[in-house]
Amino acid sequence: DEELASEIVPMLKRRAHADLVRSTIDSYARHGDVEELQREIQKVAGLGKRDETAGTVLSLESFSELQRVNALDKIGTGIEELDIALGGGLARGCLGIWLAGLSKGKSMCLCTGSASALKLGVSVAYATLEMSSIKVLARVKAALTGVPIDALLAGHGIPEAQEKLRVLLPTIGSFVVQDFVPKITTAIDIINWVKEAENQTKRRIDLAMVDYADRLGSHI
């Protein structure tokens, strides 16, 4: 029904555009594949239009896409079983989303993943729209040093963590975390912040963490 389509397609396009902007956070921070981003933009632009192409043809040229995917660098999540299932971790230029219920460990996984990336020399920017940046730092420090998070928050684990972190700092990537206001902050705000973080740290941000992406507002 053309009348129904005329109402639904604009809604789908607005949602797809919002999702696409959010995905650029990860693509930008990880030296994302520009061609892949262009393909996603073309898909969004094509919503509501009939695809009249013949499709992807089986040919020698079709191996180039497979080679491109296999050549992507992987960043470990810090969870061995998951990294094995992902073939080594999350690929650069790809958007990874943690899905789980309330208080099921999504933020902890992001912090653990940040620490794992830091140990590989990866520079990380962590935007938090939920818990405070102090708690994020505490969780990342616990994951880096092996000092229990409860000991850090209680205070008696701080001396041990300080000493271990002092030894680690020259060998790991840079880490910056910032608090953002839920429902008001947009994906564009996060992208601009990443650029500012790069200017401040004098290092390219390889990995951007957003906790939670569903609390981002829309610029549309």
N, C-alpha and C. Protein backbone atom coordinates (compact mmCIF):
# COMPACT_ATOMS: atom_id res chain seq x y z
N ASP A 1 0.85 -1.19 0.00
CA ASP A 1 0.00 0.00 0.00
C ASP A 1 0.89 1.25 0.00
N GLU A 2 0.76 2.08 -1.04
CA GLU A 2 1.63 3.24 -1.19
C GLU A 2 1.43 4.27 -0.07
N GLU A 3 0.18 4.43 0.38
CA GLU A 3 -0.09 5.39 1.44
C GLU A 3 0.57 4.99 2.74
N LEU A 4 0.53 3.69 3.05
CA LEU A 4 1.18 3.19 4.27
C LEU A 4 2.69 3.32 4.16
N ALA A 5 3.23 3.00 2.98
CA ALA A 5 4.67 3.10 2.77
C ALA A 5 5.16 4.53 2.92
N SER A 6 4.33 5.50 2.45
CA SER A 6 4.74 6.90 2.54
C SER A 6 4.84 7.38 3.99
N GLU A 7 4.15 6.70 4.91
CA GLU A 7 4.23 7.05 6.32
C GLU A 7 5.36 6.31 7.04
N ILE A 8 5.56 5.06 6.68
CA ILE A 8 6.55 4.22 7.37
C ILE A 8 7.97 4.52 6.93
N VAL A 9 8.20 4.70 5.62
CA VAL A 9 9.56 4.88 5.10
C VAL A 9 10.27 6.08 5.73
N PRO A 10 9.63 7.26 5.87
CA PRO A 10 10.33 8.38 6.53
C PRO A 10 10.73 8.05 7.96
N MET A 11 9.87 7.31 8.68
CA MET A 11 10.21 6.93 10.05
C MET A 11 11.42 6.02 10.07
N LEU A 12 11.44 5.05 9.15
CA LEU A 12 12.57 4.12 9.07
C LEU A 12 13.86 4.85 8.71
N LYS A 13 13.74 5.84 7.83
CA LYS A 13 14.92 6.60 7.43
C LYS A 13 15.49 7.39 8.59
N ARG A 14 14.61 8.03 9.38
CA ARG A 14 15.09 8.80 10.54
C ARG A 14 15.81 7.89 11.53
N ARG A 15 15.24 6.71 11.77
CA ARG A 15 15.86 5.77 12.70
C ARG A 15 17.20 5.27 12.15
N ALA A 16 17.21 4.96 10.85
CA ALA A 16 18.44 4.46 10.23
C ALA A 16 19.54 5.51 10.24
N HIS A 17 19.16 6.77 10.01
CA HIS A 17 20.15 7.86 10.04
C HIS A 17 20.74 8.00 11.43
N ALA A 18 19.89 7.90 12.46
CA ALA A 18 20.37 8.01 13.85
C ALA A 18 21.32 6.86 14.16
N ASP A 19 20.97 5.66 13.73
CA ASP A 19 21.83 4.50 13.96
C ASP A 19 23.16 4.65 13.23
N LEU A 20 23.10 5.20 12.03
CA LEU A 20 24.31 5.38 11.23
C LEU A 20 25.26 6.37 11.88
N VAL A 21 24.71 7.45 12.41
CA VAL A 21 25.55 8.45 13.09
C VAL A 21 26.23 7.83 14.30
N ARG A 22 25.47 7.03 15.07
CA ARG A 22 26.07 6.38 16.23
C ARG A 22 27.21 5.46 15.80
N SER A 23 27.03 4.75 14.68
CA SER A 23 28.05 3.80 14.25
C SER A 23 29.34 4.49 13.83
N THR A 24 29.25 5.79 13.44
CA THR A 24 30.46 6.50 13.05
C THR A 24 31.40 6.73 14.23
N ILE A 25 30.85 6.69 15.45
CA ILE A 25 31.69 6.84 16.64
C ILE A 25 32.77 5.77 16.62
N ASP A 26 32.35 4.53 16.45
CA ASP A 26 33.29 3.40 16.47
C ASP A 26 34.18 3.44 15.23
N SER A 27 33.57 3.74 14.08
CA SER A 27 34.34 3.75 12.84
C SER A 27 35.44 4.79 12.88
N TYR A 28 35.12 5.99 13.38
CA TYR A 28 36.11 7.06 13.45
C TYR A 28 37.23 6.73 14.43
N ALA A 29 36.87 6.24 15.60
CA ALA A 29 37.86 6.00 16.65
C ALA A 29 38.77 4.84 16.32
N ARG A 30 38.34 3.93 15.49
CA ARG A 30 39.15 2.75 15.18
C ARG A 30 39.76 2.80 13.79
N HIS A 31 39.91 3.97 13.23
CA HIS A 31 40.45 4.09 11.88
C HIS A 31 39.55 3.30 10.92
N GLY A 32 38.25 3.50 11.04
CA GLY A 32 37.28 2.70 10.30
C GLY A 32 37.44 2.77 8.80
N ASP A 33 36.88 1.78 8.14
CA ASP A 33 36.91 1.67 6.70
C ASP A 33 35.92 2.67 6.11
N VAL A 34 36.43 3.69 5.42
CA VAL A 34 35.58 4.72 4.85
C VAL A 34 34.65 4.15 3.80
N GLU A 35 35.16 3.19 3.02
CA GLU A 35 34.34 2.59 1.97
C GLU A 35 33.15 1.85 2.58
N GLU A 36 33.37 1.18 3.70
CA GLU A 36 32.28 0.48 4.38
C GLU A 36 31.23 1.48 4.86
N LEU A 37 31.68 2.61 5.40
CA LEU A 37 30.76 3.64 5.86
C LEU A 37 29.96 4.20 4.69
N GLN A 38 30.61 4.38 3.55
CA GLN A 38 29.91 4.87 2.36
C GLN A 38 28.83 3.88 1.91
N ARG A 39 29.14 2.60 2.03
CA ARG A 39 28.15 1.59 1.65
C ARG A 39 26.93 1.66 2.57
N GLU A 40 27.17 1.88 3.87
CA GLU A 40 26.06 1.97 4.81
C GLU A 40 25.22 3.21 4.52
N ILE A 41 25.86 4.31 4.16
CA ILE A 41 25.14 5.53 3.81
C ILE A 41 24.26 5.30 2.59
N GLN A 42 24.80 4.57 1.62
CA GLN A 42 24.02 4.26 0.42
C GLN A 42 22.82 3.39 0.74
N LYS A 43 22.98 2.47 1.70
CA LYS A 43 21.86 1.62 2.09
C LYS A 43 20.73 2.46 2.69
N VAL A 44 21.13 3.41 3.58
CA VAL A 44 20.12 4.26 4.21
C VAL A 44 19.42 5.12 3.16
N ALA A 45 20.21 5.66 2.23
CA ALA A 45 19.64 6.51 1.18
C ALA A 45 18.69 5.72 0.30
N GLY A 46 18.91 4.42 0.21
CA GLY A 46 18.08 3.58 -0.66
C GLY A 46 16.83 3.05 -0.02
N LEU A 47 16.59 3.36 1.25
CA LEU A 47 15.37 2.89 1.91
C LEU A 47 14.14 3.41 1.19
N GLY A 48 13.21 2.50 0.91
CA GLY A 48 11.99 2.90 0.23
C GLY A 48 12.10 2.86 -1.28
N LYS A 49 13.31 2.58 -1.79
CA LYS A 49 13.53 2.51 -3.23
C LYS A 49 13.73 1.06 -3.66
N ARG A 50 13.28 0.74 -4.83
CA ARG A 50 13.42 -0.62 -5.34
C ARG A 50 14.84 -0.85 -5.83
N ASP A 51 15.46 -1.96 -5.37
CA ASP A 51 16.80 -2.32 -5.81
C ASP A 51 16.70 -3.03 -7.15
N GLU A 52 17.21 -2.38 -8.21
CA GLU A 52 17.12 -2.94 -9.55
C GLU A 52 18.43 -3.56 -10.01
N THR A 53 19.41 -3.68 -9.11
CA THR A 53 20.67 -4.31 -9.48
C THR A 53 20.50 -5.82 -9.53
N ALA A 54 21.42 -6.49 -10.21
CA ALA A 54 21.35 -7.95 -10.35
C ALA A 54 21.81 -8.66 -9.09
N GLY A 55 22.50 -7.93 -8.18
CA GLY A 55 23.03 -8.55 -6.97
C GLY A 55 24.52 -8.76 -7.07
N THR A 56 25.09 -9.51 -6.13
CA THR A 56 26.53 -9.78 -6.12
C THR A 56 26.81 -11.02 -6.97
N VAL A 57 27.69 -10.86 -7.92
CA VAL A 57 28.01 -11.93 -8.86
C VAL A 57 29.18 -12.76 -8.33
N LEU A 58 29.07 -14.08 -8.46
CA LEU A 58 30.17 -14.96 -8.09
C LEU A 58 31.30 -14.79 -9.09
N SER A 59 32.41 -14.24 -8.63
CA SER A 59 33.54 -13.97 -9.51
C SER A 59 34.81 -13.90 -8.69
N LEU A 60 35.95 -13.78 -9.36
CA LEU A 60 37.22 -13.66 -8.65
C LEU A 60 37.26 -12.35 -7.87
N GLU A 61 36.59 -11.31 -8.41
CA GLU A 61 36.59 -10.02 -7.74
C GLU A 61 35.84 -10.08 -6.41
N SER A 62 34.91 -11.03 -6.25
CA SER A 62 34.12 -11.11 -5.03
C SER A 62 34.96 -11.55 -3.84
N PHE A 63 36.18 -12.07 -4.10
CA PHE A 63 37.06 -12.47 -3.00
C PHE A 63 37.65 -11.26 -2.29
N SER A 64 37.63 -10.09 -2.94
CA SER A 64 38.24 -8.90 -2.34
C SER A 64 37.55 -8.51 -1.04
N GLU A 65 36.22 -8.67 -0.99
CA GLU A 65 35.49 -8.34 0.22
C GLU A 65 35.86 -9.30 1.35
N LEU A 66 36.02 -10.58 1.02
CA LEU A 66 36.41 -11.57 2.01
C LEU A 66 37.81 -11.26 2.53
N GLN A 67 38.72 -10.88 1.65
CA GLN A 67 40.08 -10.54 2.06
C GLN A 67 40.09 -9.30 2.94
N ARG A 68 39.21 -8.33 2.63
CA ARG A 68 39.14 -7.11 3.42
C ARG A 68 38.71 -7.41 4.85
N VAL A 69 37.70 -8.27 4.99
CA VAL A 69 37.20 -8.63 6.32
C VAL A 69 38.27 -9.37 7.12
N ASN A 70 38.96 -10.31 6.47
CA ASN A 70 39.98 -11.10 7.16
C ASN A 70 41.19 -10.28 7.55
N ALA A 71 41.42 -9.18 6.84
CA ALA A 71 42.60 -8.36 7.10
C ALA A 71 42.41 -7.36 8.24
N LEU A 72 41.17 -7.21 8.71
CA LEU A 72 40.91 -6.25 9.77
C LEU A 72 41.62 -6.65 11.06
N ASP A 73 42.19 -5.66 11.75
CA ASP A 73 42.79 -5.91 13.05
C ASP A 73 41.71 -6.27 14.06
N LYS A 74 42.08 -7.04 15.03
CA LYS A 74 41.13 -7.43 16.07
C LYS A 74 41.58 -6.87 17.42
N ILE A 75 40.61 -6.40 18.21
CA ILE A 75 40.86 -5.92 19.56
C ILE A 75 40.14 -6.84 20.52
N GLY A 76 40.88 -7.49 21.39
CA GLY A 76 40.29 -8.44 22.33
C GLY A 76 39.33 -7.78 23.30
N THR A 77 38.31 -8.51 23.70
CA THR A 77 37.32 -8.01 24.65
C THR A 77 37.75 -8.20 26.10
N GLY A 78 38.77 -9.04 26.31
CA GLY A 78 39.19 -9.37 27.66
C GLY A 78 38.49 -10.60 28.20
N ILE A 79 37.56 -11.13 27.42
CA ILE A 79 36.85 -12.36 27.79
C ILE A 79 37.28 -13.44 26.82
N GLU A 80 38.09 -14.38 27.28
CA GLU A 80 38.74 -15.35 26.41
C GLU A 80 37.75 -16.12 25.54
N GLU A 81 36.67 -16.63 26.15
CA GLU A 81 35.71 -17.42 25.40
C GLU A 81 35.06 -16.60 24.28
N LEU A 82 34.75 -15.34 24.58
CA LEU A 82 34.12 -14.48 23.58
C LEU A 82 35.09 -14.15 22.46
N ASP A 83 36.35 -13.89 22.81
CA ASP A 83 37.35 -13.59 21.79
C ASP A 83 37.55 -14.76 20.84
N ILE A 84 37.50 -15.97 21.38
CA ILE A 84 37.61 -17.16 20.54
C ILE A 84 36.43 -17.23 19.57
N ALA A 85 35.24 -16.97 20.10
CA ALA A 85 34.04 -17.02 19.27
C ALA A 85 34.06 -15.94 18.19
N LEU A 86 34.70 -14.80 18.48
CA LEU A 86 34.76 -13.69 17.54
C LEU A 86 35.97 -13.78 16.62
N GLY A 87 36.74 -14.85 16.76
CA GLY A 87 37.92 -15.01 15.92
C GLY A 87 39.06 -14.10 16.29
N GLY A 88 39.15 -13.75 17.58
CA GLY A 88 40.26 -12.90 18.03
C GLY A 88 39.80 -11.61 18.69
N GLY A 89 38.55 -11.30 18.59
CA GLY A 89 38.05 -10.07 19.21
C GLY A 89 37.23 -9.25 18.24
N LEU A 90 37.00 -8.00 18.60
CA LEU A 90 36.23 -7.09 17.75
C LEU A 90 37.13 -6.52 16.66
N ALA A 91 36.62 -6.48 15.44
CA ALA A 91 37.40 -5.96 14.31
C ALA A 91 37.38 -4.44 14.29
N ARG A 92 38.51 -3.85 13.94
CA ARG A 92 38.56 -2.39 13.79
C ARG A 92 37.57 -1.98 12.68
N GLY A 93 36.93 -0.84 12.90
CA GLY A 93 35.99 -0.35 11.91
C GLY A 93 34.62 -0.95 12.03
N CYS A 94 34.43 -1.83 13.00
CA CYS A 94 33.13 -2.47 13.19
C CYS A 94 32.47 -1.97 14.47
N LEU A 95 31.16 -2.00 14.47
CA LEU A 95 30.39 -1.58 15.63
C LEU A 95 30.04 -2.80 16.47
N GLY A 96 30.45 -2.78 17.74
CA GLY A 96 30.13 -3.87 18.65
C GLY A 96 29.14 -3.39 19.69
N ILE A 97 28.08 -4.15 19.93
CA ILE A 97 27.04 -3.75 20.87
C ILE A 97 26.84 -4.84 21.91
N TRP A 98 26.92 -4.46 23.18
CA TRP A 98 26.62 -5.38 24.28
C TRP A 98 25.14 -5.29 24.59
N LEU A 99 24.45 -6.41 24.52
CA LEU A 99 23.02 -6.45 24.82
C LEU A 99 22.79 -7.35 26.03
N ALA A 100 22.11 -6.82 27.04
CA ALA A 100 21.80 -7.60 28.24
C ALA A 100 20.78 -6.83 29.07
N GLY A 101 20.20 -7.50 30.04
CA GLY A 101 19.22 -6.87 30.90
C GLY A 101 19.86 -5.92 31.89
N LEU A 102 19.02 -5.32 32.72
CA LEU A 102 19.49 -4.36 33.72
C LEU A 102 20.41 -5.05 34.73
N SER A 103 21.56 -4.40 35.01
CA SER A 103 22.53 -4.90 36.00
C SER A 103 23.04 -6.30 35.68
N LYS A 104 23.23 -6.57 34.38
CA LYS A 104 23.75 -7.87 33.96
C LYS A 104 25.22 -7.83 33.54
N GLY A 105 25.88 -6.69 33.77
CA GLY A 105 27.32 -6.63 33.53
C GLY A 105 27.77 -5.96 32.25
N LYS A 106 26.89 -5.21 31.60
CA LYS A 106 27.29 -4.55 30.36
C LYS A 106 28.43 -3.56 30.58
N SER A 107 28.27 -2.70 31.59
CA SER A 107 29.31 -1.69 31.87
C SER A 107 30.61 -2.35 32.30
N MET A 108 30.51 -3.42 33.08
CA MET A 108 31.71 -4.13 33.51
C MET A 108 32.46 -4.71 32.30
N CYS A 109 31.70 -5.23 31.33
CA CYS A 109 32.32 -5.76 30.12
C CYS A 109 33.03 -4.67 29.33
N LEU A 110 32.42 -3.48 29.28
CA LEU A 110 33.06 -2.36 28.58
C LEU A 110 34.35 -1.94 29.28
N CYS A 111 34.33 -1.94 30.60
CA CYS A 111 35.53 -1.57 31.36
C CYS A 111 36.62 -2.64 31.20
N THR A 112 36.21 -3.91 31.26
CA THR A 112 37.17 -5.00 31.06
C THR A 112 37.75 -4.95 29.66
N GLY A 113 36.89 -4.69 28.68
CA GLY A 113 37.36 -4.57 27.30
C GLY A 113 38.31 -3.40 27.12
N SER A 114 38.04 -2.30 27.82
CA SER A 114 38.93 -1.13 27.75
C SER A 114 40.31 -1.49 28.29
N ALA A 115 40.34 -2.18 29.43
CA ALA A 115 41.61 -2.57 30.04
C ALA A 115 42.38 -3.52 29.12
N SER A 116 41.66 -4.45 28.51
CA SER A 116 42.29 -5.40 27.60
C SER A 116 42.91 -4.68 26.41
N ALA A 117 42.18 -3.68 25.87
CA ALA A 117 42.69 -2.90 24.75
C ALA A 117 43.91 -2.07 25.16
N LEU A 118 43.86 -1.49 26.35
CA LEU A 118 44.98 -0.68 26.84
C LEU A 118 46.26 -1.51 26.93
N LYS A 119 46.14 -2.75 27.36
CA LYS A 119 47.30 -3.63 27.49
C LYS A 119 47.93 -3.92 26.13
N LEU A 120 47.13 -3.77 25.06
CA LEU A 120 47.63 -3.98 23.70
C LEU A 120 48.21 -2.69 23.11
N GLY A 121 48.18 -1.62 23.91
CA GLY A 121 48.70 -0.35 23.43
C GLY A 121 47.66 0.49 22.71
N VAL A 122 46.40 0.07 22.80
CA VAL A 122 45.31 0.78 22.13
C VAL A 122 44.88 1.99 22.96
N SER A 123 44.63 3.11 22.31
CA SER A 123 44.15 4.31 23.00
C SER A 123 42.62 4.28 23.04
N VAL A 124 42.07 4.50 24.24
CA VAL A 124 40.63 4.33 24.45
C VAL A 124 39.99 5.61 24.97
N ALA A 125 38.81 5.94 24.42
CA ALA A 125 37.99 7.03 24.92
C ALA A 125 36.67 6.42 25.39
N TYR A 126 36.30 6.71 26.63
CA TYR A 126 35.12 6.09 27.24
C TYR A 126 34.12 7.18 27.61
N ALA A 127 32.99 7.19 26.92
CA ALA A 127 31.91 8.15 27.20
C ALA A 127 30.86 7.46 28.06
N THR A 128 30.64 7.96 29.24
CA THR A 128 29.66 7.32 30.13
C THR A 128 28.43 8.21 30.32
N LEU A 129 27.28 7.63 30.06
CA LEU A 129 26.01 8.32 30.26
C LEU A 129 25.23 7.67 31.39
N GLU A 130 25.92 6.76 32.12
CA GLU A 130 25.26 6.08 33.23
C GLU A 130 26.01 6.32 34.53
N MET A 131 27.02 5.49 34.82
CA MET A 131 27.74 5.65 36.08
C MET A 131 28.81 6.73 35.96
N SER A 132 29.31 7.19 37.09
CA SER A 132 30.27 8.29 37.11
C SER A 132 31.61 7.86 36.52
N SER A 133 32.35 8.85 36.05
CA SER A 133 33.67 8.57 35.49
C SER A 133 34.62 8.01 36.56
N ILE A 134 34.41 8.38 37.83
CA ILE A 134 35.24 7.86 38.91
C ILE A 134 35.08 6.35 39.03
N LYS A 135 33.85 5.86 38.93
CA LYS A 135 33.61 4.42 39.01
C LYS A 135 34.15 3.70 37.78
N VAL A 136 34.06 4.35 36.63
CA VAL A 136 34.62 3.76 35.41
C VAL A 136 36.13 3.59 35.57
N LEU A 137 36.78 4.65 36.05
CA LEU A 137 38.23 4.58 36.26
C LEU A 137 38.60 3.49 37.26
N ALA A 138 37.80 3.37 38.32
CA ALA A 138 38.08 2.34 39.33
C ALA A 138 37.99 0.95 38.73
N ARG A 139 36.98 0.71 37.88
CA ARG A 139 36.82 -0.60 37.26
C ARG A 139 37.95 -0.90 36.28
N VAL A 140 38.34 0.11 35.52
CA VAL A 140 39.44 -0.08 34.56
C VAL A 140 40.75 -0.34 35.30
N LYS A 141 40.99 0.41 36.37
CA LYS A 141 42.20 0.20 37.17
C LYS A 141 42.22 -1.20 37.79
N ALA A 142 41.07 -1.66 38.25
CA ALA A 142 40.98 -3.00 38.83
C ALA A 142 41.30 -4.06 37.78
N ALA A 143 40.76 -3.87 36.57
CA ALA A 143 41.01 -4.84 35.50
C ALA A 143 42.47 -4.81 35.05
N LEU A 144 43.09 -3.64 35.09
CA LEU A 144 44.50 -3.52 34.68
C LEU A 144 45.45 -4.11 35.71
N THR A 145 45.17 -3.85 36.98
CA THR A 145 46.12 -4.21 38.04
C THR A 145 45.82 -5.54 38.73
N GLY A 146 44.59 -6.02 38.60
CA GLY A 146 44.22 -7.24 39.30
C GLY A 146 43.81 -7.02 40.74
N VAL A 147 43.81 -5.76 41.17
CA VAL A 147 43.36 -5.43 42.52
C VAL A 147 41.82 -5.41 42.52
N PRO A 148 41.17 -6.13 43.43
CA PRO A 148 39.71 -6.19 43.44
C PRO A 148 39.07 -4.81 43.50
N ILE A 149 37.97 -4.65 42.75
CA ILE A 149 37.29 -3.35 42.70
C ILE A 149 36.80 -2.93 44.07
N ASP A 150 36.36 -3.88 44.89
CA ASP A 150 35.88 -3.54 46.23
C ASP A 150 37.00 -2.97 47.09
N ALA A 151 38.22 -3.50 46.90
CA ALA A 151 39.37 -3.01 47.66
C ALA A 151 39.73 -1.59 47.23
N LEU A 152 39.58 -1.30 45.96
CA LEU A 152 39.86 0.05 45.48
C LEU A 152 38.84 1.05 46.02
N LEU A 153 37.56 0.68 45.92
CA LEU A 153 36.51 1.58 46.38
C LEU A 153 36.57 1.79 47.89
N ALA A 154 37.02 0.76 48.63
CA ALA A 154 37.14 0.87 50.09
C ALA A 154 38.37 1.67 50.49
N GLY A 155 39.35 1.75 49.58
CA GLY A 155 40.54 2.54 49.86
C GLY A 155 41.78 1.75 50.19
N HIS A 156 41.64 0.56 50.83
CA HIS A 156 42.84 -0.15 51.27
C HIS A 156 43.59 -0.82 50.12
N GLY A 157 42.97 -0.89 48.93
CA GLY A 157 43.66 -1.48 47.78
C GLY A 157 44.37 -0.46 46.92
N ILE A 158 44.23 0.81 47.26
CA ILE A 158 44.81 1.87 46.44
C ILE A 158 46.34 1.82 46.37
N PRO A 159 47.07 1.67 47.48
CA PRO A 159 48.54 1.64 47.39
C PRO A 159 49.06 0.55 46.44
N GLU A 160 48.48 -0.65 46.53
CA GLU A 160 48.92 -1.74 45.65
C GLU A 160 48.60 -1.41 44.20
N ALA A 161 47.41 -0.87 43.94
CA ALA A 161 47.02 -0.52 42.58
C ALA A 161 47.90 0.59 42.01
N GLN A 162 48.25 1.56 42.85
CA GLN A 162 49.11 2.66 42.41
C GLN A 162 50.47 2.15 41.96
N GLU A 163 51.03 1.24 42.73
CA GLU A 163 52.35 0.71 42.39
C GLU A 163 52.30 -0.09 41.09
N LYS A 164 51.28 -0.92 40.96
CA LYS A 164 51.16 -1.73 39.74
C LYS A 164 50.90 -0.86 38.52
N LEU A 165 50.07 0.17 38.69
CA LEU A 165 49.76 1.06 37.58
C LEU A 165 50.98 1.89 37.17
N ARG A 166 51.80 2.25 38.15
CA ARG A 166 53.02 3.00 37.86
C ARG A 166 53.93 2.21 36.93
N VAL A 167 54.00 0.91 37.13
CA VAL A 167 54.82 0.05 36.27
C VAL A 167 54.19 -0.13 34.90
N LEU A 168 52.85 -0.19 34.86
CA LEU A 168 52.14 -0.45 33.61
C LEU A 168 52.06 0.75 32.68
N LEU A 169 51.93 1.95 33.22
CA LEU A 169 51.64 3.15 32.42
C LEU A 169 52.56 3.35 31.21
N PRO A 170 53.87 3.11 31.33
CA PRO A 170 54.73 3.35 30.15
C PRO A 170 54.49 2.36 29.01
N THR A 171 53.78 1.27 29.28
CA THR A 171 53.63 0.21 28.28
C THR A 171 52.22 0.10 27.69
N ILE A 172 51.26 0.84 28.23
CA ILE A 172 49.88 0.68 27.78
C ILE A 172 49.41 1.90 26.99
N GLY A 173 48.23 1.77 26.36
CA GLY A 173 47.67 2.88 25.60
C GLY A 173 47.13 3.96 26.53
N SER A 174 46.65 5.04 25.95
CA SER A 174 46.09 6.13 26.75
C SER A 174 44.60 5.88 26.99
N PHE A 175 44.10 6.42 28.10
CA PHE A 175 42.69 6.25 28.45
C PHE A 175 42.12 7.56 28.95
N VAL A 176 40.96 7.94 28.42
CA VAL A 176 40.28 9.15 28.87
C VAL A 176 38.79 8.83 28.99
N VAL A 177 38.19 9.29 30.08
CA VAL A 177 36.77 9.05 30.31
C VAL A 177 36.08 10.37 30.62
N GLN A 178 34.86 10.51 30.17
CA GLN A 178 34.10 11.74 30.39
C GLN A 178 32.64 11.42 30.67
N ASP A 179 32.04 12.18 31.60
CA ASP A 179 30.61 12.05 31.90
C ASP A 179 29.81 12.87 30.88
N PHE A 180 28.68 12.30 30.44
CA PHE A 180 27.79 13.01 29.54
C PHE A 180 26.36 12.92 30.06
N VAL A 181 25.56 13.92 29.71
CA VAL A 181 24.17 13.98 30.17
C VAL A 181 23.29 13.08 29.29
N PRO A 182 22.58 12.11 29.88
CA PRO A 182 21.71 11.22 29.10
C PRO A 182 20.61 11.98 28.38
N LYS A 183 20.23 11.48 27.20
CA LYS A 183 19.11 11.98 26.39
C LYS A 183 19.34 13.36 25.79
N ILE A 184 20.36 14.06 26.26
CA ILE A 184 20.69 15.37 25.70
C ILE A 184 21.92 15.25 24.80
N THR A 185 22.89 14.47 25.24
CA THR A 185 24.11 14.25 24.46
C THR A 185 23.78 13.48 23.19
N THR A 186 24.32 13.91 22.06
CA THR A 186 24.10 13.23 20.79
C THR A 186 25.38 12.53 20.33
N ALA A 187 25.24 11.70 19.31
CA ALA A 187 26.41 11.03 18.74
C ALA A 187 27.43 12.03 18.22
N ILE A 188 26.94 13.14 17.68
CA ILE A 188 27.83 14.19 17.18
C ILE A 188 28.66 14.77 18.33
N ASP A 189 28.04 14.93 19.50
CA ASP A 189 28.77 15.42 20.67
C ASP A 189 29.90 14.46 21.03
N ILE A 190 29.63 13.17 20.95
CA ILE A 190 30.65 12.17 21.28
C ILE A 190 31.80 12.23 20.28
N ILE A 191 31.46 12.35 19.01
CA ILE A 191 32.49 12.42 17.97
C ILE A 191 33.38 13.65 18.19
N ASN A 192 32.76 14.79 18.49
CA ASN A 192 33.54 16.01 18.74
C ASN A 192 34.42 15.85 19.97
N TRP A 193 33.90 15.18 20.99
CA TRP A 193 34.69 14.94 22.20
C TRP A 193 35.89 14.06 21.90
N VAL A 194 35.69 13.05 21.07
CA VAL A 194 36.81 12.17 20.69
C VAL A 194 37.91 12.99 20.03
N LYS A 195 37.52 13.91 19.17
CA LYS A 195 38.52 14.77 18.51
C LYS A 195 39.27 15.60 19.55
N GLU A 196 38.54 16.14 20.53
CA GLU A 196 39.17 16.93 21.58
C GLU A 196 40.12 16.06 22.41
N ALA A 197 39.70 14.82 22.68
CA ALA A 197 40.54 13.91 23.45
C ALA A 197 41.84 13.62 22.70
N GLU A 198 41.75 13.50 21.39
CA GLU A 198 42.95 13.27 20.58
C GLU A 198 43.89 14.46 20.65
N ASN A 199 43.32 15.66 20.64
CA ASN A 199 44.15 16.86 20.74
C ASN A 199 44.84 16.95 22.09
N GLN A 200 44.12 16.57 23.15
CA GLN A 200 44.68 16.66 24.50
C GLN A 200 45.74 15.60 24.75
N THR A 201 45.48 14.37 24.31
CA THR A 201 46.42 13.28 24.56
C THR A 201 47.52 13.19 23.52
N LYS A 202 47.33 13.91 22.41
CA LYS A 202 48.30 13.87 21.30
C LYS A 202 48.43 12.46 20.72
N ARG A 203 47.36 11.69 20.86
CA ARG A 203 47.36 10.33 20.33
C ARG A 203 46.03 10.07 19.64
N ARG A 204 46.09 9.27 18.59
CA ARG A 204 44.88 8.88 17.87
C ARG A 204 44.06 7.92 18.74
N ILE A 205 42.76 8.19 18.88
CA ILE A 205 41.88 7.29 19.63
C ILE A 205 41.54 6.10 18.74
N ASP A 206 41.86 4.91 19.22
CA ASP A 206 41.62 3.69 18.45
C ASP A 206 40.27 3.06 18.75
N LEU A 207 39.80 3.25 19.99
CA LEU A 207 38.59 2.58 20.44
C LEU A 207 37.71 3.53 21.24
N ALA A 208 36.46 3.68 20.84
CA ALA A 208 35.52 4.53 21.56
C ALA A 208 34.45 3.66 22.21
N MET A 209 34.29 3.81 23.51
CA MET A 209 33.28 3.09 24.27
C MET A 209 32.17 4.08 24.64
N VAL A 210 30.92 3.69 24.44
CA VAL A 210 29.78 4.53 24.81
C VAL A 210 28.86 3.71 25.71
N ASP A 211 28.66 4.19 26.92
CA ASP A 211 27.91 3.45 27.94
C ASP A 211 26.79 4.35 28.49
N TYR A 212 25.58 4.24 28.09
CA TYR A 212 24.95 3.38 27.11
C TYR A 212 24.63 4.17 25.84
N ALA A 213 24.68 3.50 24.69
CA ALA A 213 24.34 4.17 23.44
C ALA A 213 22.86 4.48 23.36
N ASP A 214 22.02 3.67 24.03
CA ASP A 214 20.57 3.92 23.96
C ASP A 214 20.15 5.12 24.80
N ARG A 215 21.10 5.72 25.52
CA ARG A 215 20.79 6.93 26.28
C ARG A 215 21.23 8.19 25.54
N LEU A 216 21.71 8.00 24.31
CA LEU A 216 22.06 9.15 23.49
C LEU A 216 20.80 9.82 22.96
N GLY A 217 20.86 11.14 22.85
CA GLY A 217 19.75 11.87 22.25
C GLY A 217 19.91 11.87 20.74
N SER A 218 18.95 12.44 20.05
CA SER A 218 18.99 12.51 18.59
C SER A 218 19.13 13.94 18.16
N HIS A 219 19.96 14.15 17.11
CA HIS A 219 20.12 15.50 16.56
C HIS A 219 19.13 15.76 15.46
N ILE A 220 18.33 14.73 15.14
CA ILE A 220 17.40 14.85 14.01
C ILE A 220 16.09 15.49 14.48
